Each structure stands twice: as C-alpha cells, then as structure tokens.
C-alpha cells in the first residue's frame, strides 16, 4: 500500500490517504495544485504493458478516489531508446542490463505559480509553457537563445560525466536490490540527440519569478541562470559562479539547499536572499 499524509500549514496532521498500487499504480507526486490534486509525471502501473503514445503525459491525481486524468501531454523527442536491454537469471539472482540511453533528451521540468498554473519545459529551445489547472496552454515565455549542436567535444564531455556517475552509483553499493542486480552499458554505447537543450531546469520562487537554469558550453547543467516573469519579462541573468538555484524556496526570501557530505549524508542548508541583482 502507498500512503500520503496530509498536513496543514502549521505542520499538524490532517488525514492519511491510503492507495492500493494494484488499482492506482505506484505514484510519486511532483507538485500539488491549489484544488488538492497531485501533479504526477510518472505512474508505474503494475501488470500493465500498455504504452502511452504521442508524448509524455502529465497526470492530475485526485485524492478523493476518482480516476486519474491526463492534465497535459508534453513533447517527446522521437525515437527514444528502451531503458531495458536484456535480463538473465542465475543461481545468484537476476541481472537486469540497462541501456546507456540517449544524452541530451529535452527536459521535462515543471513548477507551480501562485495562481495555480504550471510552468513547463519540454523543449530543446528556450521556451516555457504556462499550463492552466484545466490543462490548456495560457501563454509562453521565451528568449532568442539557440540550442548548441552536439559535436565531438560535447559528446566526449558527456561520456566522461556518464562514467563518473556510473562509478559513483557502483561505489555507493546501490546497484543491487534484493536478488536483482542492475548493470548499465558503458559510455561508448551512449547515443546522442543532435542538439543540447538550452534549459536544464526551472524553479519558481514565492514572488512568481521563474529561475531558468541553462546548460553550459559542454552540455552540463553549469550554465548561467536567467530570471524571468510569467508575463515574459526579463529580470536578468546570474553568472554560473554566483548564486545557484536552490532546491526549494520559502517565504521572506528563504532558500534551501540539499547538500551531501563525504559519507553521502544529506543536510539542508537554509539561507535568506536579501537582494537580487542579476546582470542585465
């Protein structure tokens, strides 16, 4: 069973919602809409092999037991590789070999504005969509910044990041779950999209400023951060070496960063933003 605990703004327990994964699937909420529905980008349906055609669905999940609905279908780059390459069983358990996949897929990033609309990125270019709670597009925000073509320098930089990420996963001991061991293809098996998406991710602060993290010159998420408004206004750009986008915003300029020490133990560091002076 899956459980969701609902708390009031003071942190007090209100009620618990219990869901049967055989009925609802395994869900993980990304955001909560003002009307109480959960926004979900991934639902694992047990025993259901049906594939969704025509893009990446974003679901609205109601806690009152009514059916889950597709709120919006985001764009997907055609020809995506399968995650699973093959599996085999032995006396030591099952080995699941995973595809290296394709680098520079367009992101599926979203956050919530105070009026209940979603800010969505599902593009290779610099384009934010504003999605109403009913699921229709109410506007777009963009800047004339073109995606980078993927060349050999960018591909080799991405292969090295893949090797480092794979080594970190294997070194942490997280590759085995019960009797199932996961293995990944090597960096040489990486496929590549033709272009590097401009945007790496977005966050919306409590003043409805949209923090747009751009990719750097080698395709990593270490580029500058633009700050724009839902009506298309441009506030400015933060250089990559300065203030970075937090993991969460709070009231009164509070910003929270989740950080890990050398033992991979997470801590939360909270700072207060006193003034915002991005470059023009």
C-alpha atoms as a PDB file:
ATOM      1  CA  UNK A   1       0.000   0.000   0.000  1.00  0.00           C
ATOM      2  CA  UNK A   2       1.022   3.602  -0.657  1.00  0.00           C
ATOM      3  CA  UNK A   3       0.301   6.243   1.989  1.00  0.00           C
ATOM      4  CA  UNK A   4       0.152  10.027   1.657  1.00  0.00           C
ATOM      5  CA  UNK A   5      -0.048  12.069   4.869  1.00  0.00           C
ATOM      6  CA  UNK A   6      -1.732  15.479   4.605  1.00  0.00           C
ATOM      7  CA  UNK A   7      -0.570  18.257   6.944  1.00  0.00           C
ATOM      8  CA  UNK A   8      -1.891  21.775   7.474  1.00  0.00           C
ATOM      9  CA  UNK A   9       0.361  24.865   7.053  1.00  0.00           C
ATOM     10  CA  UNK A  10       1.370  24.581  10.732  1.00  0.00           C
ATOM     11  CA  UNK A  11       2.638  21.043  10.172  1.00  0.00           C
ATOM     12  CA  UNK A  12      -0.199  19.332  12.032  1.00  0.00           C
ATOM     13  CA  UNK A  13      -1.539  16.015  10.784  1.00  0.00           C
ATOM     14  CA  UNK A  14      -4.908  16.257   8.959  1.00  0.00           C
ATOM     15  CA  UNK A  15      -5.547  12.843   7.431  1.00  0.00           C
ATOM     16  CA  UNK A  16      -3.915   9.900   5.710  1.00  0.00           C
ATOM     17  CA  UNK A  17      -4.761   8.726   2.194  1.00  0.00           C
ATOM     18  CA  UNK A  18      -4.088   5.026   1.536  1.00  0.00           C
ATOM     19  CA  UNK A  19      -3.835   3.832  -2.059  1.00  0.00           C
ATOM     20  CA  UNK A  20      -3.721   0.342  -3.487  1.00  0.00           C
ATOM     21  CA  UNK A  21      -0.916   0.208  -6.099  1.00  0.00           C
ATOM     22  CA  UNK A  22      -2.770  -2.547  -7.949  1.00  0.00           C
ATOM     23  CA  UNK A  23      -5.501  -0.001  -8.627  1.00  0.00           C
ATOM     24  CA  UNK A  24      -3.715   3.340  -8.799  1.00  0.00           C
ATOM     25  CA  UNK A  25      -0.248   2.178  -9.784  1.00  0.00           C
ATOM     26  CA  UNK A  26       2.871   3.365  -7.990  1.00  0.00           C
ATOM     27  CA  UNK A  27       2.772   7.158  -7.900  1.00  0.00           C
ATOM     28  CA  UNK A  28       5.142   9.865  -6.740  1.00  0.00           C
ATOM     29  CA  UNK A  29       3.794  13.379  -6.542  1.00  0.00           C
ATOM     30  CA  UNK A  30       5.769  16.175  -8.180  1.00  0.00           C
ATOM     31  CA  UNK A  31       3.515  19.080  -7.141  1.00  0.00           C
ATOM     32  CA  UNK A  32       0.161  19.786  -5.502  1.00  0.00           C
ATOM     33  CA  UNK A  33      -2.401  22.004  -7.245  1.00  0.00           C
ATOM     34  CA  UNK A  34      -4.453  24.506  -5.201  1.00  0.00           C
ATOM     35  CA  UNK A  35      -7.573  22.346  -5.698  1.00  0.00           C
ATOM     36  CA  UNK A  36      -5.868  19.416  -3.938  1.00  0.00           C
ATOM     37  CA  UNK A  37      -4.966  17.325  -6.974  1.00  0.00           C
ATOM     38  CA  UNK A  38      -1.425  15.993  -7.278  1.00  0.00           C
ATOM     39  CA  UNK A  39       0.645  16.562 -10.402  1.00  0.00           C
ATOM     40  CA  UNK A  40       2.487  13.382 -11.377  1.00  0.00           C
ATOM     41  CA  UNK A  41       4.863  12.811 -14.281  1.00  0.00           C
ATOM     42  CA  UNK A  42       5.414   9.083 -13.684  1.00  0.00           C
ATOM     43  CA  UNK A  43       2.972   6.313 -12.810  1.00  0.00           C
ATOM     44  CA  UNK A  44       4.190   2.711 -12.724  1.00  0.00           C
ATOM     45  CA  UNK A  45       1.161   0.539 -13.384  1.00  0.00           C
ATOM     46  CA  UNK A  46       1.630  -2.998 -12.104  1.00  0.00           C
ATOM     47  CA  UNK A  47       0.887  -5.688 -14.661  1.00  0.00           C
ATOM     48  CA  UNK A  48       0.002  -3.126 -17.344  1.00  0.00           C
ATOM     49  CA  UNK A  49       2.022  -3.326 -20.543  1.00  0.00           C
ATOM     50  CA  UNK A  50       0.034  -0.652 -22.341  1.00  0.00           C
ATOM     51  CA  UNK A  51       2.246   2.091 -23.755  1.00  0.00           C
ATOM     52  CA  UNK A  52       1.318   5.743 -23.967  1.00  0.00           C
ATOM     53  CA  UNK A  53       1.552   7.068 -27.485  1.00  0.00           C
ATOM     54  CA  UNK A  54       2.346  10.588 -28.592  1.00  0.00           C
ATOM     55  CA  UNK A  55       4.452  12.225 -25.930  1.00  0.00           C
ATOM     56  CA  UNK A  56       4.977  12.308 -22.166  1.00  0.00           C
ATOM     57  CA  UNK A  57       1.747  12.510 -20.154  1.00  0.00           C
ATOM     58  CA  UNK A  58       1.458  14.703 -17.068  1.00  0.00           C
ATOM     59  CA  UNK A  59      -1.240  13.380 -14.776  1.00  0.00           C
ATOM     60  CA  UNK A  60      -3.620  15.052 -12.343  1.00  0.00           C
ATOM     61  CA  UNK A  61      -4.208  12.637  -9.464  1.00  0.00           C
ATOM     62  CA  UNK A  62      -7.163  13.252  -7.170  1.00  0.00           C
ATOM     63  CA  UNK A  63      -7.054  12.121  -3.551  1.00  0.00           C
ATOM     64  CA  UNK A  64     -10.808  11.547  -3.404  1.00  0.00           C
ATOM     65  CA  UNK A  65     -10.585   8.249  -5.286  1.00  0.00           C
ATOM     66  CA  UNK A  66     -11.755   9.483  -8.686  1.00  0.00           C
ATOM     67  CA  UNK A  67      -9.925   8.418 -11.819  1.00  0.00           C
ATOM     68  CA  UNK A  68      -6.533   9.833 -12.691  1.00  0.00           C
ATOM     69  CA  UNK A  69      -6.633  12.087 -15.753  1.00  0.00           C
ATOM     70  CA  UNK A  70      -4.029  13.308 -18.196  1.00  0.00           C
ATOM     71  CA  UNK A  71      -3.647  17.010 -17.494  1.00  0.00           C
ATOM     72  CA  UNK A  72      -1.280  17.719 -20.379  1.00  0.00           C
ATOM     73  CA  UNK A  73       0.879  15.756 -22.808  1.00  0.00           C
ATOM     74  CA  UNK A  74       4.419  17.096 -23.093  1.00  0.00           C
ATOM     75  CA  UNK A  75       6.530  16.833 -26.216  1.00  0.00           C
ATOM     76  CA  UNK A  76       8.972  13.952 -26.580  1.00  0.00           C
ATOM     77  CA  UNK A  77      11.955  13.615 -28.893  1.00  0.00           C
ATOM     78  CA  UNK A  78      11.127  10.812 -31.380  1.00  0.00           C
ATOM     79  CA  UNK A  79      12.978   7.506 -31.324  1.00  0.00           C
ATOM     80  CA  UNK A  80      13.761   7.221 -27.623  1.00  0.00           C
ATOM     81  CA  UNK A  81      15.767   4.109 -26.694  1.00  0.00           C
ATOM     82  CA  UNK A  82      14.383   1.476 -24.354  1.00  0.00           C
ATOM     83  CA  UNK A  83      15.796   1.501 -20.833  1.00  0.00           C
ATOM     84  CA  UNK A  84      15.961  -2.273 -20.549  1.00  0.00           C
ATOM     85  CA  UNK A  85      18.419  -4.089 -22.792  1.00  0.00           C
ATOM     86  CA  UNK A  86      18.069  -7.631 -21.516  1.00  0.00           C
ATOM     87  CA  UNK A  87      17.790  -9.712 -18.370  1.00  0.00           C
ATOM     88  CA  UNK A  88      19.024 -13.112 -17.292  1.00  0.00           C
ATOM     89  CA  UNK A  89      18.621 -15.313 -14.256  1.00  0.00           C
ATOM     90  CA  UNK A  90      21.206 -17.401 -12.441  1.00  0.00           C
ATOM     91  CA  UNK A  91      21.721 -19.016  -9.056  1.00  0.00           C
ATOM     92  CA  UNK A  92      22.962 -15.640  -7.805  1.00  0.00           C
ATOM     93  CA  UNK A  93      19.743 -13.900  -8.798  1.00  0.00           C
ATOM     94  CA  UNK A  94      18.557 -11.836 -11.737  1.00  0.00           C
ATOM     95  CA  UNK A  95      20.728  -9.404 -13.689  1.00  0.00           C
ATOM     96  CA  UNK A  96      18.975  -6.504 -15.425  1.00  0.00           C
ATOM     97  CA  UNK A  97      21.121  -4.786 -18.037  1.00  0.00           C
ATOM     98  CA  UNK A  98      20.080  -1.218 -18.773  1.00  0.00           C
ATOM     99  CA  UNK A  99      20.696   0.767 -21.925  1.00  0.00           C
ATOM    100  CA  UNK A 100      23.063   3.707 -21.745  1.00  0.00           C
ATOM    101  CA  UNK A 101      20.227   5.693 -23.321  1.00  0.00           C
ATOM    102  CA  UNK A 102      20.417   8.914 -25.269  1.00  0.00           C
ATOM    103  CA  UNK A 103      22.121  12.021 -23.963  1.00  0.00           C
ATOM    104  CA  UNK A 104      20.531  15.469 -24.218  1.00  0.00           C
ATOM    105  CA  UNK A 105      16.909  14.438 -24.221  1.00  0.00           C
ATOM    106  CA  UNK A 106      14.687  17.519 -23.785  1.00  0.00           C
ATOM    107  CA  UNK A 107      13.937  18.003 -20.081  1.00  0.00           C
ATOM    108  CA  UNK A 108      10.515  17.572 -18.536  1.00  0.00           C
ATOM    109  CA  UNK A 109      10.709  20.204 -15.807  1.00  0.00           C
ATOM    110  CA  UNK A 110       7.799  21.934 -14.115  1.00  0.00           C
ATOM    111  CA  UNK A 111       6.928  24.132 -11.170  1.00  0.00           C
ATOM    112  CA  UNK A 112       3.862  25.916  -9.835  1.00  0.00           C
ATOM    113  CA  UNK A 113       2.884  29.595  -9.990  1.00  0.00           C
ATOM    114  CA  UNK A 114       0.834  31.173  -7.201  1.00  0.00           C
ATOM    115  CA  UNK A 115      -2.252  31.367  -9.448  1.00  0.00           C
ATOM    116  CA  UNK A 116      -2.233  27.559  -9.881  1.00  0.00           C
ATOM    117  CA  UNK A 117      -0.734  27.434 -13.358  1.00  0.00           C
ATOM    118  CA  UNK A 118       2.167  25.128 -14.172  1.00  0.00           C
ATOM    119  CA  UNK A 119       5.374  26.415 -15.705  1.00  0.00           C
ATOM    120  CA  UNK A 120       6.590  23.659 -18.016  1.00  0.00           C
ATOM    121  CA  UNK A 121       9.747  22.998 -20.022  1.00  0.00           C
ATOM    122  CA  UNK A 122       9.610  20.190 -22.594  1.00  0.00           C
ATOM    123  CA  UNK A 123      11.579  21.772 -25.429  1.00  0.00           C
ATOM    124  CA  UNK A 124      15.083  21.778 -26.881  1.00  0.00           C
ATOM    125  CA  UNK A 125      14.822  25.549 -27.320  1.00  0.00           C
ATOM    126  CA  UNK A 126      14.270  28.336 -24.816  1.00  0.00           C
ATOM    127  CA  UNK A 127      10.522  28.039 -24.340  1.00  0.00           C
ATOM    128  CA  UNK A 128       8.424  27.876 -21.182  1.00  0.00           C
ATOM    129  CA  UNK A 129       4.750  26.907 -21.403  1.00  0.00           C
ATOM    130  CA  UNK A 130       2.174  28.127 -18.891  1.00  0.00           C
ATOM    131  CA  UNK A 131      -0.462  25.426 -18.281  1.00  0.00           C
ATOM    132  CA  UNK A 132      -3.800  26.201 -16.609  1.00  0.00           C
ATOM    133  CA  UNK A 133      -5.232  23.806 -13.972  1.00  0.00           C
ATOM    134  CA  UNK A 134      -7.708  22.687 -16.646  1.00  0.00           C
ATOM    135  CA  UNK A 135      -4.806  21.584 -18.869  1.00  0.00           C
ATOM    136  CA  UNK A 136      -4.704  24.176 -21.660  1.00  0.00           C
ATOM    137  CA  UNK A 137      -1.773  26.452 -22.544  1.00  0.00           C
ATOM    138  CA  UNK A 138      -2.363  30.060 -21.466  1.00  0.00           C
ATOM    139  CA  UNK A 139       0.917  31.515 -22.681  1.00  0.00           C
ATOM    140  CA  UNK A 140       4.599  31.011 -23.366  1.00  0.00           C
ATOM    141  CA  UNK A 141       7.829  32.670 -22.246  1.00  0.00           C
ATOM    142  CA  UNK A 142      10.934  32.529 -24.402  1.00  0.00           C
ATOM    143  CA  UNK A 143      14.266  34.130 -25.211  1.00  0.00           C
ATOM    144  CA  UNK A 144      16.192  34.112 -28.507  1.00  0.00           C
ATOM    145  CA  UNK A 145      18.847  31.627 -27.367  1.00  0.00           C
ATOM    146  CA  UNK A 146      19.516  28.721 -29.717  1.00  0.00           C
ATOM    147  CA  UNK A 147      20.483  25.177 -28.661  1.00  0.00           C
ATOM    148  CA  UNK A 148      24.065  24.046 -29.180  1.00  0.00           C
ATOM    149  CA  UNK A 149      24.765  21.490 -31.914  1.00  0.00           C
ATOM    150  CA  UNK A 150      26.297  18.325 -30.439  1.00  0.00           C
ATOM    151  CA  UNK A 151      29.913  17.984 -31.587  1.00  0.00           C
ATOM    152  CA  UNK A 152      32.676  15.561 -30.622  1.00  0.00           C
ATOM    153  CA  UNK A 153      33.910  17.783 -27.766  1.00  0.00           C
ATOM    154  CA  UNK A 154      30.435  17.837 -26.201  1.00  0.00           C
ATOM    155  CA  UNK A 155      29.994  14.088 -26.728  1.00  0.00           C
ATOM    156  CA  UNK A 156      33.283  13.246 -25.015  1.00  0.00           C
ATOM    157  CA  UNK A 157      32.460  15.549 -22.086  1.00  0.00           C
ATOM    158  CA  UNK A 158      29.113  13.793 -21.679  1.00  0.00           C
ATOM    159  CA  UNK A 159      30.733  10.352 -21.851  1.00  0.00           C
ATOM    160  CA  UNK A 160      33.071  11.364 -19.024  1.00  0.00           C
ATOM    161  CA  UNK A 161      30.147  12.601 -16.914  1.00  0.00           C
ATOM    162  CA  UNK A 162      28.412   9.264 -17.586  1.00  0.00           C
ATOM    163  CA  UNK A 163      31.492   7.321 -16.432  1.00  0.00           C
ATOM    164  CA  UNK A 164      31.721   9.382 -13.230  1.00  0.00           C
ATOM    165  CA  UNK A 165      28.013   8.969 -12.473  1.00  0.00           C
ATOM    166  CA  UNK A 166      28.159   5.210 -13.077  1.00  0.00           C
ATOM    167  CA  UNK A 167      31.237   4.855 -10.854  1.00  0.00           C
ATOM    168  CA  UNK A 168      29.512   6.823  -8.084  1.00  0.00           C
ATOM    169  CA  UNK A 169      26.445   4.553  -8.222  1.00  0.00           C
ATOM    170  CA  UNK A 170      28.524   1.379  -8.170  1.00  0.00           C
ATOM    171  CA  UNK A 171      30.730   2.713  -5.406  1.00  0.00           C
ATOM    172  CA  UNK A 172      27.747   3.503  -3.197  1.00  0.00           C
ATOM    173  CA  UNK A 173      26.552  -0.100  -3.322  1.00  0.00           C
ATOM    174  CA  UNK A 174      23.143   0.866  -4.708  1.00  0.00           C
ATOM    175  CA  UNK A 175      23.292  -1.364  -7.769  1.00  0.00           C
ATOM    176  CA  UNK A 176      21.695  -4.358  -6.019  1.00  0.00           C
ATOM    177  CA  UNK A 177      18.159  -4.615  -4.716  1.00  0.00           C
ATOM    178  CA  UNK A 178      17.319  -7.927  -3.020  1.00  0.00           C
ATOM    179  CA  UNK A 179      18.203 -10.603  -5.600  1.00  0.00           C
ATOM    180  CA  UNK A 180      18.147  -8.222  -8.574  1.00  0.00           C
ATOM    181  CA  UNK A 181      21.405  -6.658  -9.774  1.00  0.00           C
ATOM    182  CA  UNK A 182      21.386  -3.787 -12.238  1.00  0.00           C
ATOM    183  CA  UNK A 183      24.118  -3.178 -14.770  1.00  0.00           C
ATOM    184  CA  UNK A 184      24.471  -0.365 -17.304  1.00  0.00           C
ATOM    185  CA  UNK A 185      26.018  -0.213 -20.735  1.00  0.00           C
ATOM    186  CA  UNK A 186      29.302   1.658 -20.990  1.00  0.00           C
ATOM    187  CA  UNK A 187      29.821   5.264 -22.054  1.00  0.00           C
ATOM    188  CA  UNK A 188      30.794   4.130 -25.544  1.00  0.00           C
ATOM    189  CA  UNK A 189      27.189   2.923 -26.003  1.00  0.00           C
ATOM    190  CA  UNK A 190      25.683   6.362 -25.363  1.00  0.00           C
ATOM    191  CA  UNK A 191      23.514   7.724 -28.146  1.00  0.00           C
ATOM    192  CA  UNK A 192      23.187  11.468 -28.652  1.00  0.00           C
ATOM    193  CA  UNK A 193      20.494  13.884 -29.699  1.00  0.00           C
ATOM    194  CA  UNK A 194      21.519  16.332 -32.408  1.00  0.00           C
ATOM    195  CA  UNK A 195      21.314  19.379 -30.135  1.00  0.00           C
ATOM    196  CA  UNK A 196      21.881  20.251 -26.487  1.00  0.00           C
ATOM    197  CA  UNK A 197      18.663  21.620 -24.918  1.00  0.00           C
ATOM    198  CA  UNK A 198      19.054  25.228 -23.806  1.00  0.00           C
ATOM    199  CA  UNK A 199      17.335  24.738 -20.443  1.00  0.00           C
ATOM    200  CA  UNK A 200      18.499  22.323 -17.739  1.00  0.00           C
ATOM    201  CA  UNK A 201      15.752  23.051 -15.186  1.00  0.00           C
ATOM    202  CA  UNK A 202      13.424  25.642 -13.637  1.00  0.00           C
ATOM    203  CA  UNK A 203      12.205  26.762 -10.219  1.00  0.00           C
ATOM    204  CA  UNK A 204       9.556  29.328  -9.253  1.00  0.00           C
ATOM    205  CA  UNK A 205      10.065  31.461  -6.130  1.00  0.00           C
ATOM    206  CA  UNK A 206       7.349  32.860  -3.876  1.00  0.00           C
ATOM    207  CA  UNK A 207       7.225  36.084  -5.896  1.00  0.00           C
ATOM    208  CA  UNK A 208       6.483  34.159  -9.116  1.00  0.00           C
ATOM    209  CA  UNK A 209       9.931  34.815 -10.536  1.00  0.00           C
ATOM    210  CA  UNK A 210      10.982  31.898 -12.724  1.00  0.00           C
ATOM    211  CA  UNK A 211      14.619  30.828 -12.285  1.00  0.00           C
ATOM    212  CA  UNK A 212      15.730  29.234 -15.543  1.00  0.00           C
ATOM    213  CA  UNK A 213      18.928  27.182 -15.321  1.00  0.00           C
ATOM    214  CA  UNK A 214      20.716  26.986 -18.670  1.00  0.00           C
ATOM    215  CA  UNK A 215      23.215  24.371 -19.810  1.00  0.00           C
ATOM    216  CA  UNK A 216      26.880  25.235 -20.132  1.00  0.00           C
ATOM    217  CA  UNK A 217      29.142  25.081 -23.201  1.00  0.00           C
ATOM    218  CA  UNK A 218      29.839  21.325 -22.848  1.00  0.00           C
ATOM    219  CA  UNK A 219      26.228  20.345 -22.159  1.00  0.00           C
ATOM    220  CA  UNK A 220      26.448  20.126 -18.376  1.00  0.00           C
ATOM    221  CA  UNK A 221      23.932  21.919 -16.132  1.00  0.00           C
ATOM    222  CA  UNK A 222      26.540  24.509 -15.088  1.00  0.00           C
ATOM    223  CA  UNK A 223      25.407  27.439 -17.230  1.00  0.00           C
ATOM    224  CA  UNK A 224      24.015  30.807 -16.143  1.00  0.00           C
ATOM    225  CA  UNK A 225      20.598  31.280 -14.549  1.00  0.00           C
ATOM    226  CA  UNK A 226      18.039  33.610 -16.117  1.00  0.00           C
ATOM    227  CA  UNK A 227      15.289  35.139 -14.013  1.00  0.00           C
ATOM    228  CA  UNK A 228      12.088  35.869 -15.924  1.00  0.00           C
ATOM    229  CA  UNK A 229       8.445  36.572 -15.138  1.00  0.00           C
ATOM    230  CA  UNK A 230       5.287  34.742 -16.302  1.00  0.00           C
ATOM    231  CA  UNK A 231       4.285  37.710 -18.467  1.00  0.00           C
ATOM    232  CA  UNK A 232       7.519  37.416 -20.456  1.00  0.00           C
ATOM    233  CA  UNK A 233       9.559  39.994 -18.556  1.00  0.00           C
ATOM    234  CA  UNK A 234      13.322  39.543 -18.270  1.00  0.00           C
ATOM    235  CA  UNK A 235      14.823  40.488 -14.897  1.00  0.00           C
ATOM    236  CA  UNK A 236      18.418  39.464 -15.561  1.00  0.00           C
ATOM    237  CA  UNK A 237      20.991  36.677 -15.557  1.00  0.00           C
ATOM    238  CA  UNK A 238      23.067  35.233 -12.708  1.00  0.00           C
ATOM    239  CA  UNK A 239      26.565  34.109 -13.785  1.00  0.00           C
ATOM    240  CA  UNK A 240      27.335  30.407 -13.191  1.00  0.00           C
ATOM    241  CA  UNK A 241      29.889  31.128 -10.463  1.00  0.00           C
ATOM    242  CA  UNK A 242      27.440  33.142  -8.355  1.00  0.00           C
ATOM    243  CA  UNK A 243      24.126  32.344  -6.661  1.00  0.00           C
ATOM    244  CA  UNK A 244      22.714  28.997  -7.815  1.00  0.00           C
ATOM    245  CA  UNK A 245      19.078  27.946  -7.914  1.00  0.00           C
ATOM    246  CA  UNK A 246      18.019  26.394  -4.573  1.00  0.00           C
ATOM    247  CA  UNK A 247      16.252  23.070  -4.147  1.00  0.00           C
ATOM    248  CA  UNK A 248      13.296  24.900  -2.586  1.00  0.00           C
ATOM    249  CA  UNK A 249      12.125  28.449  -1.951  1.00  0.00           C
ATOM    250  CA  UNK A 250      10.430  29.669   1.213  1.00  0.00           C
ATOM    251  CA  UNK A 251       8.733  32.859   2.410  1.00  0.00           C
ATOM    252  CA  UNK A 252      10.628  36.054   3.057  1.00  0.00           C
ATOM    253  CA  UNK A 253      13.479  35.203   0.690  1.00  0.00           C
ATOM    254  CA  UNK A 254      14.380  31.873   2.327  1.00  0.00           C
ATOM    255  CA  UNK A 255      16.160  29.377   0.086  1.00  0.00           C
ATOM    256  CA  UNK A 256      17.000  25.751   0.964  1.00  0.00           C
ATOM    257  CA  UNK A 257      19.890  23.742  -0.462  1.00  0.00           C
ATOM    258  CA  UNK A 258      20.219  19.970  -0.025  1.00  0.00           C
ATOM    259  CA  UNK A 259      23.888  19.055   0.319  1.00  0.00           C
ATOM    260  CA  UNK A 260      25.725  15.786   0.976  1.00  0.00           C
ATOM    261  CA  UNK A 261      28.975  15.260   2.862  1.00  0.00           C
ATOM    262  CA  UNK A 262      31.784  12.829   2.036  1.00  0.00           C
ATOM    263  CA  UNK A 263      29.731   9.983   3.514  1.00  0.00           C
ATOM    264  CA  UNK A 264      26.732  10.825   1.297  1.00  0.00           C
ATOM    265  CA  UNK A 265      24.745  12.033   4.315  1.00  0.00           C
ATOM    266  CA  UNK A 266      22.317  14.778   3.242  1.00  0.00           C
ATOM    267  CA  UNK A 267      21.863  18.025   5.142  1.00  0.00           C
ATOM    268  CA  UNK A 268      19.659  21.034   4.440  1.00  0.00           C
ATOM    269  CA  UNK A 269      21.271  24.491   4.427  1.00  0.00           C
ATOM    270  CA  UNK A 270      18.883  27.458   4.581  1.00  0.00           C
ATOM    271  CA  UNK A 271      19.898  30.993   3.606  1.00  0.00           C
ATOM    272  CA  UNK A 272      17.954  34.221   3.131  1.00  0.00           C
ATOM    273  CA  UNK A 273      18.062  36.192  -0.102  1.00  0.00           C
ATOM    274  CA  UNK A 274      18.365  39.839   0.891  1.00  0.00           C
ATOM    275  CA  UNK A 275      18.707  41.400  -2.559  1.00  0.00           C
ATOM    276  CA  UNK A 276      18.638  40.104  -6.108  1.00  0.00           C
ATOM    277  CA  UNK A 277      20.865  41.954  -8.547  1.00  0.00           C
ATOM    278  CA  UNK A 278      21.336  39.846 -11.669  1.00  0.00           C
ATOM    279  CA  UNK A 279      23.303  41.141 -14.615  1.00  0.00           C
ATOM    280  CA  UNK A 280      21.331  42.627 -17.487  1.00  0.00           C
END
